[in-house]
């Protein structure tokens, strides 16, 4: 299972949001570039970055994102505000390892399928769920798609994966969140990346043994030091099966 240490950027700062709400963001007073370098130094294979400003249509953090891609030392999975073919292609040209798409996929599924064929294994589908509904536009608008129908729509596209977020799960309701995510994971052939489920080290271990869960994003728990990234990576790593010794 792949751990995606996560940065959320708002106005040039690293933040954490509760259920996507900007009213009271937690601001982490550390240089995002230093955080990105630290992820690589700890041994992460990938990192995830969300541009909150671009996601909500309130500017962007483009210069900082370009610098993160240059200095991170590991591939960057980039999300937030990708609503046109040109923007997706531009960021792939700038070195983003993967692009996460949600709203555009609900509005123009055929375009996103075409992008997935043009950039195989570089497009990630985002499925954000609130009260059982698929949400778009920075978690603000319900879609006409059900989450299940949305997954089925992209079943034949060469996606790199699907990020599933249960927005309305109670903060402590890890079991409820896992139920939503694993239920959707059972309906797709694509690897599923869980978001919002890891608050302590035991959650990494639990996810590792869930069917079709290929990775998880971890943001706030790393920033608050509730989890050490090196420990999370070790827990998520595949363990070799014991081999019988033959005489």
Protein backbone atom coordinates (compact mmCIF):
# COMPACT_ATOMS: atom_id res chain seq x y z
CA UNK A 1 0.00 0.00 0.00
CA UNK A 2 1.29 3.46 -0.93
CA UNK A 3 1.30 6.27 1.62
CA UNK A 4 0.71 9.70 0.07
CA UNK A 5 1.87 12.33 2.57
CA UNK A 6 -0.30 15.31 1.81
CA UNK A 7 0.02 19.08 1.61
CA UNK A 8 -2.99 21.37 1.35
CA UNK A 9 -2.02 24.86 0.19
CA UNK A 10 -4.04 28.02 0.82
CA UNK A 11 -2.61 31.48 0.19
CA UNK A 12 0.91 30.07 0.07
CA UNK A 13 0.63 28.31 3.43
CA UNK A 14 0.24 24.70 4.46
CA UNK A 15 -3.19 24.18 6.04
CA UNK A 16 -5.57 21.46 7.10
CA UNK A 17 -9.31 21.71 6.59
CA UNK A 18 -12.07 19.98 8.49
CA UNK A 19 -14.43 18.40 5.94
CA UNK A 20 -13.31 20.89 3.32
CA UNK A 21 -14.47 23.95 5.26
CA UNK A 22 -12.35 27.09 4.99
CA UNK A 23 -13.92 28.96 7.89
CA UNK A 24 -11.39 27.75 10.45
CA UNK A 25 -8.35 26.27 8.70
CA UNK A 26 -5.50 24.95 10.77
CA UNK A 27 -2.37 26.77 9.58
CA UNK A 28 0.91 24.90 9.95
CA UNK A 29 3.74 27.37 10.42
CA UNK A 30 6.34 25.54 8.39
CA UNK A 31 7.66 26.20 4.89
CA UNK A 32 5.76 23.95 2.43
CA UNK A 33 9.02 23.35 0.55
CA UNK A 34 10.66 22.05 3.72
CA UNK A 35 7.65 19.83 4.35
CA UNK A 36 7.87 18.43 0.82
CA UNK A 37 11.58 17.71 1.18
CA UNK A 38 10.88 16.03 4.51
CA UNK A 39 8.40 13.66 2.89
CA UNK A 40 11.06 12.47 0.46
CA UNK A 41 13.71 12.27 3.18
CA UNK A 42 11.42 10.00 5.20
CA UNK A 43 11.24 7.58 2.28
CA UNK A 44 7.87 8.37 0.69
CA UNK A 45 7.45 7.19 -2.91
CA UNK A 46 4.81 9.81 -3.75
CA UNK A 47 3.31 12.93 -2.26
CA UNK A 48 -0.06 14.58 -2.80
CA UNK A 49 -0.67 18.33 -3.00
CA UNK A 50 -4.05 20.08 -3.16
CA UNK A 51 -4.28 23.72 -4.23
CA UNK A 52 -7.23 24.90 -2.13
CA UNK A 53 -7.35 28.30 -3.81
CA UNK A 54 -7.65 26.71 -7.25
CA UNK A 55 -10.19 24.23 -5.92
CA UNK A 56 -12.59 26.93 -4.73
CA UNK A 57 -11.84 29.34 -7.59
CA UNK A 58 -10.05 31.91 -5.43
CA UNK A 59 -6.67 32.31 -7.15
CA UNK A 60 -3.95 29.67 -7.15
CA UNK A 61 -0.56 28.67 -5.74
CA UNK A 62 1.05 27.99 -9.10
CA UNK A 63 4.54 29.31 -8.39
CA UNK A 64 4.75 27.38 -5.14
CA UNK A 65 3.45 24.22 -6.82
CA UNK A 66 6.09 24.47 -9.54
CA UNK A 67 8.78 24.84 -6.90
CA UNK A 68 7.46 21.85 -4.94
CA UNK A 69 7.55 19.71 -8.09
CA UNK A 70 11.16 20.81 -8.67
CA UNK A 71 12.48 20.22 -5.15
CA UNK A 72 10.36 17.37 -3.79
CA UNK A 73 12.58 14.60 -5.08
CA UNK A 74 9.55 12.30 -5.51
CA UNK A 75 6.56 12.33 -7.90
CA UNK A 76 3.78 14.77 -7.02
CA UNK A 77 0.10 13.92 -7.35
CA UNK A 78 -1.63 17.25 -7.84
CA UNK A 79 -5.25 18.15 -7.16
CA UNK A 80 -7.42 21.24 -7.06
CA UNK A 81 -9.21 23.15 -9.79
CA UNK A 82 -8.48 21.04 -12.87
CA UNK A 83 -11.41 21.93 -15.08
CA UNK A 84 -9.97 22.04 -18.60
CA UNK A 85 -7.86 19.91 -20.93
CA UNK A 86 -5.31 22.71 -21.26
CA UNK A 87 -4.68 23.03 -17.53
CA UNK A 88 -4.27 19.27 -17.09
CA UNK A 89 -1.81 19.00 -19.99
CA UNK A 90 0.11 22.08 -18.85
CA UNK A 91 0.76 20.67 -15.38
CA UNK A 92 1.78 17.28 -16.73
CA UNK A 93 4.24 19.13 -18.96
CA UNK A 94 5.48 20.98 -15.88
CA UNK A 95 6.33 17.67 -14.24
CA UNK A 96 3.30 16.69 -12.17
CA UNK A 97 3.28 12.91 -11.85
CA UNK A 98 -0.50 12.64 -11.68
CA UNK A 99 -3.49 14.96 -11.90
CA UNK A 100 -6.58 14.49 -9.73
CA UNK A 101 -9.89 15.36 -11.40
CA UNK A 102 -13.34 15.55 -9.81
CA UNK A 103 -15.65 18.32 -10.98
CA UNK A 104 -14.61 18.13 -14.64
CA UNK A 105 -15.22 14.37 -14.62
CA UNK A 106 -18.82 14.93 -13.50
CA UNK A 107 -19.40 17.73 -16.00
CA UNK A 108 -17.67 16.19 -19.03
CA UNK A 109 -16.93 12.48 -18.54
CA UNK A 110 -15.92 11.95 -22.17
CA UNK A 111 -13.23 14.62 -21.97
CA UNK A 112 -11.72 13.02 -18.88
CA UNK A 113 -11.78 9.59 -20.53
CA UNK A 114 -9.93 11.14 -23.48
CA UNK A 115 -7.38 12.69 -21.12
CA UNK A 116 -6.87 9.33 -19.42
CA UNK A 117 -6.11 7.77 -22.83
CA UNK A 118 -3.77 10.64 -23.73
CA UNK A 119 -2.00 10.44 -20.34
CA UNK A 120 -2.39 6.79 -19.25
CA UNK A 121 -1.81 6.14 -15.55
CA UNK A 122 -1.51 9.87 -14.85
CA UNK A 123 -5.17 10.76 -14.30
CA UNK A 124 -6.78 10.08 -10.92
CA UNK A 125 -10.54 10.29 -10.40
CA UNK A 126 -11.76 12.01 -7.22
CA UNK A 127 -14.98 10.80 -5.62
CA UNK A 128 -16.14 13.01 -2.75
CA UNK A 129 -19.24 11.84 -0.91
CA UNK A 130 -21.56 13.80 1.39
CA UNK A 131 -24.71 12.20 2.79
CA UNK A 132 -24.44 9.51 0.13
CA UNK A 133 -24.20 11.99 -2.75
CA UNK A 134 -21.33 12.71 -5.10
CA UNK A 135 -20.12 16.28 -4.51
CA UNK A 136 -18.36 18.59 -6.97
CA UNK A 137 -17.14 22.21 -7.15
CA UNK A 138 -14.91 22.00 -4.10
CA UNK A 139 -17.39 19.83 -2.18
CA UNK A 140 -20.10 22.49 -2.56
CA UNK A 141 -22.47 21.09 -5.21
CA UNK A 142 -24.20 17.69 -5.41
CA UNK A 143 -23.87 15.90 -8.74
CA UNK A 144 -26.59 14.12 -10.69
CA UNK A 145 -24.35 11.01 -10.62
CA UNK A 146 -24.55 8.55 -7.77
CA UNK A 147 -21.08 7.51 -6.52
CA UNK A 148 -21.67 4.00 -7.88
CA UNK A 149 -22.72 5.23 -11.32
CA UNK A 150 -19.78 7.63 -11.40
CA UNK A 151 -17.32 4.81 -10.78
CA UNK A 152 -18.98 2.63 -13.41
CA UNK A 153 -18.78 5.44 -15.99
CA UNK A 154 -14.96 5.31 -15.88
CA UNK A 155 -14.48 1.59 -15.49
CA UNK A 156 -12.75 1.15 -18.87
CA UNK A 157 -10.62 4.32 -18.71
CA UNK A 158 -6.88 3.83 -18.02
CA UNK A 159 -6.93 5.72 -14.72
CA UNK A 160 -4.03 5.68 -12.28
CA UNK A 161 -6.53 5.28 -9.45
CA UNK A 162 -9.56 6.65 -7.65
CA UNK A 163 -9.43 8.79 -4.51
CA UNK A 164 -12.50 8.27 -2.31
CA UNK A 165 -13.35 10.78 0.44
CA UNK A 166 -16.27 10.39 2.83
CA UNK A 167 -16.78 14.07 3.66
CA UNK A 168 -19.53 13.73 6.25
CA UNK A 169 -18.02 10.95 8.32
CA UNK A 170 -17.85 11.87 11.97
CA UNK A 171 -14.33 12.79 13.06
CA UNK A 172 -14.02 9.67 15.18
CA UNK A 173 -16.12 7.36 13.00
CA UNK A 174 -13.33 5.49 11.27
CA UNK A 175 -15.44 2.35 10.84
CA UNK A 176 -18.20 4.28 9.07
CA UNK A 177 -15.72 5.91 6.72
CA UNK A 178 -14.04 2.60 5.94
CA UNK A 179 -17.43 1.08 5.18
CA UNK A 180 -18.20 3.75 2.59
CA UNK A 181 -14.78 3.53 0.97
CA UNK A 182 -14.49 -0.26 0.88
CA UNK A 183 -18.05 -0.51 -0.45
CA UNK A 184 -17.10 1.62 -3.45
CA UNK A 185 -13.74 -0.11 -3.82
CA UNK A 186 -15.59 -3.38 -4.38
CA UNK A 187 -17.31 -1.87 -7.44
CA UNK A 188 -14.22 -0.91 -9.44
CA UNK A 189 -11.22 -2.59 -11.02
CA UNK A 190 -9.13 0.53 -10.40
CA UNK A 191 -6.89 0.86 -7.34
CA UNK A 192 -8.60 2.95 -4.67
CA UNK A 193 -6.81 5.57 -2.55
CA UNK A 194 -8.56 6.32 0.72
CA UNK A 195 -8.72 9.83 2.09
CA UNK A 196 -9.72 11.01 5.55
CA UNK A 197 -9.40 7.64 7.27
CA UNK A 198 -5.98 7.81 8.93
CA UNK A 199 -5.77 9.52 12.30
CA UNK A 200 -3.37 7.15 14.04
CA UNK A 201 -0.90 4.43 13.14
CA UNK A 202 -3.39 1.59 13.65
CA UNK A 203 -5.53 3.03 10.85
CA UNK A 204 -2.70 2.43 8.38
CA UNK A 205 -2.48 -1.21 9.42
CA UNK A 206 -6.25 -1.66 9.05
CA UNK A 207 -6.29 -0.11 5.57
CA UNK A 208 -3.43 -2.30 4.41
CA UNK A 209 -5.59 -5.40 4.68
CA UNK A 210 -8.72 -3.92 3.07
CA UNK A 211 -9.47 -5.37 -0.40
CA UNK A 212 -8.58 -3.10 -3.35
CA UNK A 213 -7.28 -0.28 -1.15
CA UNK A 214 -3.99 0.58 -2.85
CA UNK A 215 -3.04 3.67 -0.85
CA UNK A 216 -4.07 6.42 1.51
CA UNK A 217 -3.59 10.17 1.79
CA UNK A 218 -2.33 11.38 5.18
CA UNK A 219 -2.19 15.10 5.91
CA UNK A 220 -3.37 16.47 9.25
CA UNK A 221 -2.16 13.46 11.25
CA UNK A 222 1.38 13.97 9.92
CA UNK A 223 1.34 17.73 10.48
CA UNK A 224 0.08 17.36 14.05
CA UNK A 225 2.64 14.60 14.64
CA UNK A 226 -0.03 12.09 15.63
CA UNK A 227 1.70 9.81 13.14
CA UNK A 228 5.35 9.61 12.18
CA UNK A 229 5.74 9.26 8.41
CA UNK A 230 8.56 6.73 8.67
CA UNK A 231 6.39 4.55 10.90
CA UNK A 232 3.43 4.84 8.52
CA UNK A 233 5.60 3.84 5.58
CA UNK A 234 6.93 0.85 7.47
CA UNK A 235 3.42 -0.28 8.48
CA UNK A 236 2.22 0.05 4.87
CA UNK A 237 5.16 -1.77 3.29
CA UNK A 238 4.66 -5.25 1.95
CA UNK A 239 6.13 -7.86 4.22
CA UNK A 240 7.76 -10.88 2.59
CA UNK A 241 6.04 -14.19 3.31
CA UNK A 242 8.07 -16.57 5.46
CA UNK A 243 9.77 -19.28 3.45
CA UNK A 244 10.07 -22.84 4.61
CA UNK A 245 13.61 -24.08 5.02
CA UNK A 246 14.33 -27.33 3.24
CA UNK A 247 17.13 -29.61 4.28
